[in-house]
Each structure stands twice: as C-alpha cells, then as structure tokens.
Amino acid sequence: MGGTCENCTYYTYDDDYESYVCDINMDEDEYVRLMSDSHYRCPYYRNGDEYAVVRKQG
C-alpha cells in the first residue's frame, strides 16, 4: 500500500479550490496521521495509471 498522491486515482482536480485534492472522505485522525508520519502509508491509495496492468502483460 501507499504511493505518491500525484499518481493516485483519488487525487483529483477541484474547480472550486483550483488545485488538486484528495477525494477520499477520511476522518480527522486519519488525516493528521497521514500528514504527520512520513512512514505511514495511505490505506486508500490506488494507482491511477490505467495502463500499468497492460504494460505488465506485455
């Protein structure tokens, strides 16, 4: 588990904030832990690269 937010499926552009945001509804404790502990891996991370599986098959 884990990875960088920039290539996560849930890292989406929000027109209201005019920036990228995490689109997961996590509670405050999860968010604080994620932001404060550099070794904590996000349990919601999903690779946003649709073609990763195809490249592995080739």
Protein backbone atom coordinates (compact mmCIF):
# COMPACT_ATOMS: atom_id res chain seq x y z
CA MET A 1 0.00 0.00 0.00
CA GLY A 2 0.99 3.56 -0.42
CA GLY A 3 2.46 5.67 -3.12
CA THR A 4 2.54 9.31 -4.01
CA CYS A 5 -0.65 11.33 -4.15
CA GLU A 6 0.22 12.64 -7.60
CA ASN A 7 -0.41 9.24 -9.24
CA CYS A 8 -3.33 8.16 -7.04
CA THR A 9 -6.80 7.65 -8.53
CA TYR A 10 -8.33 9.76 -5.77
CA TYR A 11 -6.09 12.79 -6.36
CA THR A 12 -8.41 14.91 -8.50
CA TYR A 13 -8.64 18.50 -9.63
CA ASP A 14 -11.20 20.58 -7.73
CA ASP A 15 -12.54 23.56 -9.68
CA ASP A 16 -13.72 25.32 -6.52
CA TYR A 17 -10.24 25.24 -4.91
CA GLU A 18 -8.44 25.49 -8.28
CA SER A 19 -5.98 22.82 -7.18
CA TYR A 20 -5.62 19.08 -6.77
CA VAL A 21 -7.13 17.48 -3.67
CA CYS A 22 -7.57 14.02 -2.19
CA ASP A 23 -11.11 12.90 -2.96
CA ILE A 24 -11.32 10.38 -0.08
CA ASN A 25 -13.56 11.19 2.85
CA MET A 26 -11.25 10.34 5.76
CA ASP A 27 -11.75 11.28 9.37
CA GLU A 28 -9.59 13.86 11.13
CA ASP A 29 -7.44 11.28 12.94
CA GLU A 30 -6.54 9.52 9.69
CA TYR A 31 -5.69 12.82 8.02
CA VAL A 32 -3.46 14.00 10.88
CA ARG A 33 -1.62 10.68 10.94
CA LEU A 34 -1.12 10.74 7.17
CA MET A 35 0.25 14.29 7.25
CA SER A 36 2.46 13.88 10.34
CA ASP A 37 4.00 10.41 9.92
CA SER A 38 6.24 10.11 6.87
CA HIS A 39 6.31 6.29 7.23
CA TYR A 40 2.52 5.91 7.29
CA ARG A 41 1.14 4.56 4.04
CA CYS A 42 -2.24 5.73 2.83
CA PRO A 43 -4.66 2.79 3.02
CA TYR A 44 -6.82 4.31 0.25
CA TYR A 45 -4.07 4.65 -2.37
CA ARG A 46 -4.97 3.24 -5.78
CA ASN A 47 -2.65 3.61 -8.74
CA GLY A 48 -4.30 5.93 -11.24
CA ASP A 49 -2.28 4.55 -14.16
CA GLU A 50 -4.88 2.66 -16.20
CA TYR A 51 -2.21 1.13 -18.41
CA ALA A 52 0.03 -0.32 -15.67
CA VAL A 53 -1.60 -3.75 -15.92
CA VAL A 54 -1.35 -3.78 -19.72
CA ARG A 55 2.38 -2.97 -19.60
CA LYS A 56 2.95 -5.86 -17.16
CA GLN A 57 1.23 -8.30 -19.52
CA GLY A 58 3.46 -7.34 -22.46
